[in-house]
Protein backbone atom coordinates (compact mmCIF):
# COMPACT_ATOMS: atom_id res chain seq x y z
CA MET A 1 0.00 0.00 0.00
CA HIS A 2 1.25 3.41 -0.94
CA ALA A 3 0.22 4.84 2.43
CA LEU A 4 2.56 2.52 4.31
CA ALA A 5 5.41 3.06 1.85
CA TYR A 6 5.30 6.84 2.29
CA GLY A 7 5.12 6.39 6.06
CA TYR A 8 8.06 4.01 6.08
CA SER A 9 10.21 6.32 3.97
CA ALA A 10 9.44 9.34 6.14
CA ALA A 11 9.95 7.37 9.37
CA LYS A 12 13.41 6.25 8.23
CA ALA A 13 14.21 9.87 7.38
CA VAL A 14 13.30 11.21 10.83
CA GLY A 15 14.87 8.33 12.74
CA GLY A 16 13.64 6.62 15.85
CA ASP A 17 10.98 3.95 16.01
CA VAL A 18 7.97 5.94 14.77
CA TYR A 19 6.94 3.71 11.87
CA PRO A 20 5.03 1.05 13.88
CA GLN A 21 2.93 3.81 15.48
CA TRP A 22 2.27 5.54 12.16
CA ALA A 23 1.31 2.24 10.51
CA GLN A 24 -1.12 1.54 13.36
CA TRP A 25 -2.68 5.00 12.99
CA ILE A 26 -3.03 4.55 9.21
CA TRP A 27 -4.65 1.11 9.67
CA ALA A 28 -7.02 2.62 12.24
CA GLY A 29 -7.99 5.44 9.87
CA GLU A 30 -6.31 8.08 12.04
CA VAL A 31 -4.35 9.69 9.22
CA ASP A 32 -4.68 13.15 10.76
CA ARG A 33 -2.41 11.97 13.59
CA VAL A 34 0.26 10.95 11.08
CA ILE A 35 -0.11 14.31 9.32
CA ALA A 36 0.33 16.15 12.64
CA ALA A 37 3.45 14.11 13.45
CA LEU A 38 4.90 14.78 10.01
CA ARG A 39 4.21 18.51 10.34
CA ALA A 40 6.09 18.54 13.63
CA HIS A 41 9.06 16.80 12.00
CA GLN A 42 8.89 19.20 9.06
CA GLU A 43 9.03 22.18 11.43
CA ARG A 44 12.09 20.66 13.09
CA LEU A 45 13.85 19.74 9.82
CA GLY A 46 12.69 22.59 7.62
CA ARG A 47 11.21 22.49 4.14
CA PRO A 48 13.26 20.87 1.39
CA PRO A 49 15.06 23.19 -1.04
CA ASP A 50 14.16 22.93 -4.72
CA ASP A 51 17.35 21.02 -5.49
CA ALA A 52 16.89 18.46 -2.66
CA GLY A 53 17.61 14.89 -3.71
CA GLU A 54 15.24 11.97 -3.12
CA ALA A 55 17.31 10.78 -0.13
CA ASP A 56 17.09 14.15 1.63
CA PRO A 57 15.10 13.64 4.87
CA ARG A 58 13.30 16.95 4.32
CA LYS A 59 12.17 15.78 0.88
CA ARG A 60 10.98 12.40 2.19
CA VAL A 61 8.98 14.02 5.00
CA ASP A 62 7.51 16.58 2.59
CA ARG A 63 6.50 13.91 0.04
CA ALA A 64 4.74 11.87 2.75
CA LEU A 65 3.02 14.96 4.11
CA VAL A 66 1.74 15.94 0.65
CA TYR A 67 0.57 12.37 -0.03
CA TYR A 68 -1.35 12.01 3.25
CA THR A 69 -2.86 15.48 2.99
CA ASN A 70 -4.08 14.83 -0.56
CA GLN A 71 -5.30 11.27 0.10
CA ARG A 72 -6.67 11.41 3.64
CA THR A 73 -10.33 11.40 2.56
CA ARG A 74 -9.63 8.12 0.74
CA MET A 75 -7.94 6.42 3.69
CA ASP A 76 -10.88 5.23 5.80
CA TYR A 77 -9.46 1.72 6.14
CA PRO A 78 -11.70 0.60 9.04
CA LYS A 79 -14.79 1.37 6.92
CA TYR A 80 -13.33 -0.38 3.87
CA ARG A 81 -12.58 -3.50 5.95
CA ARG A 82 -16.13 -3.52 7.38
CA LEU A 83 -17.52 -3.36 3.83
CA GLY A 84 -15.19 -6.12 2.65
CA LEU A 85 -13.55 -3.85 0.08
CA PRO A 86 -10.01 -4.47 -1.17
CA LEU A 87 -7.37 -2.30 0.46
CA THR A 88 -4.87 -2.43 -2.38
CA SER A 89 -4.99 -1.94 -6.13
CA SER A 90 -3.45 -5.37 -6.78
CA ASN A 91 -6.71 -6.89 -8.10
CA ILE A 92 -7.11 -4.14 -10.68
CA GLU A 93 -3.43 -4.18 -11.62
CA SER A 94 -3.57 -7.95 -12.12
CA THR A 95 -6.66 -7.67 -14.32
CA VAL A 96 -5.07 -4.94 -16.44
CA LYS A 97 -1.97 -7.09 -16.95
CA GLN A 98 -4.10 -10.11 -17.85
CA VAL A 99 -6.13 -8.17 -20.42
CA ASN A 100 -2.99 -6.54 -21.83
CA ARG A 101 -1.26 -9.90 -22.22
CA ARG A 102 -4.27 -11.42 -24.00
CA VAL A 103 -5.18 -8.44 -26.17
CA LYS A 104 -1.76 -6.92 -26.88
CA GLY A 105 0.08 -10.17 -27.51
CA THR A 106 2.30 -10.82 -30.51
CA GLU A 107 0.61 -11.13 -33.88
CA LYS A 108 -2.42 -9.17 -32.62
CA PHE A 109 -3.21 -5.93 -34.36
CA TRP A 110 -6.31 -3.81 -33.71
CA LEU A 111 -7.56 -0.73 -35.49
CA GLY A 112 -8.72 2.25 -33.43
CA PRO A 113 -12.44 1.96 -34.30
CA THR A 114 -12.59 -1.76 -33.44
CA SER A 115 -10.26 -1.89 -30.44
CA GLU A 116 -13.00 -0.98 -27.93
CA ALA A 117 -15.20 -3.80 -29.25
CA ILE A 118 -12.29 -6.26 -28.98
CA LEU A 119 -11.62 -5.20 -25.37
CA GLN A 120 -15.31 -5.64 -24.50
CA LEU A 121 -15.37 -9.10 -26.07
CA ARG A 122 -12.23 -10.14 -24.17
CA ALA A 123 -13.69 -8.83 -20.91
CA ASP A 124 -16.95 -10.71 -21.58
CA TYR A 125 -15.04 -13.87 -22.42
CA LEU A 126 -12.99 -13.67 -19.20
CA SER A 127 -15.99 -12.78 -17.03
CA SER A 128 -17.17 -15.36 -14.51
CA SER A 129 -20.79 -14.30 -15.13
CA GLU A 130 -20.52 -15.71 -18.71
CA PRO A 131 -22.26 -12.88 -20.61
CA LEU A 132 -21.28 -14.35 -23.99
CA ASP A 133 -23.12 -17.62 -23.26
CA ARG A 134 -26.28 -15.67 -22.42
CA PHE A 135 -25.83 -13.53 -25.55
CA TRP A 136 -25.65 -16.55 -27.87
CA ILE A 137 -28.72 -18.14 -26.28
CA ARG A 138 -30.69 -14.94 -26.86
CA TYR A 139 -29.24 -14.51 -30.35
CA HIS A 140 -30.23 -18.01 -31.50
CA ALA A 141 -33.69 -17.66 -29.96
CA ARG A 142 -34.35 -14.53 -32.08
CA GLN A 143 -33.24 -16.06 -35.37
CA THR A 144 -35.85 -16.59 -38.07
CA GLY A 145 -35.64 -18.37 -41.38
CA SER A 146 -34.61 -21.76 -42.53
CA ASN A 147 -30.96 -21.74 -41.46
CA ALA A 148 -31.45 -22.67 -37.82
CA TYR A 149 -28.45 -24.82 -36.93
CA LYS A 150 -28.26 -26.93 -33.84
CA GLN A 151 -25.18 -26.80 -31.68
CA ALA A 152 -23.12 -29.95 -31.60
CA SER A 153 -23.12 -31.57 -28.20
């Protein structure tokens, strides 16, 4: 989780054993406490200069502070756990990689106007709710004329 990574980086920059406490506050949805602690460290260390490198403690504290301030309304982890929601983006990232691998593989070329349709078909094919099976049942039921073929069993 990004929230823990920013906390870990900032905790290493300020020294001491603050990370376990910050991680507990984040998990409990008490991000404002982490923000207050980071502000105190920023006052002590000062703001990073424009040319500060990524390893500069002031830069690491500032980056964490900006992240938590911008994301705090999205960090209600106790509520998300109660609702059974995922706490990481790994499910989405895995799905994107799976679709990319199957749609963007070698020897596969799609034109702009048809690429959206191909993506929808791949998503339907991979879906556990089997929308393509239901589509074909409906499609065959609506057919008229003399060319009604039976599916092989």
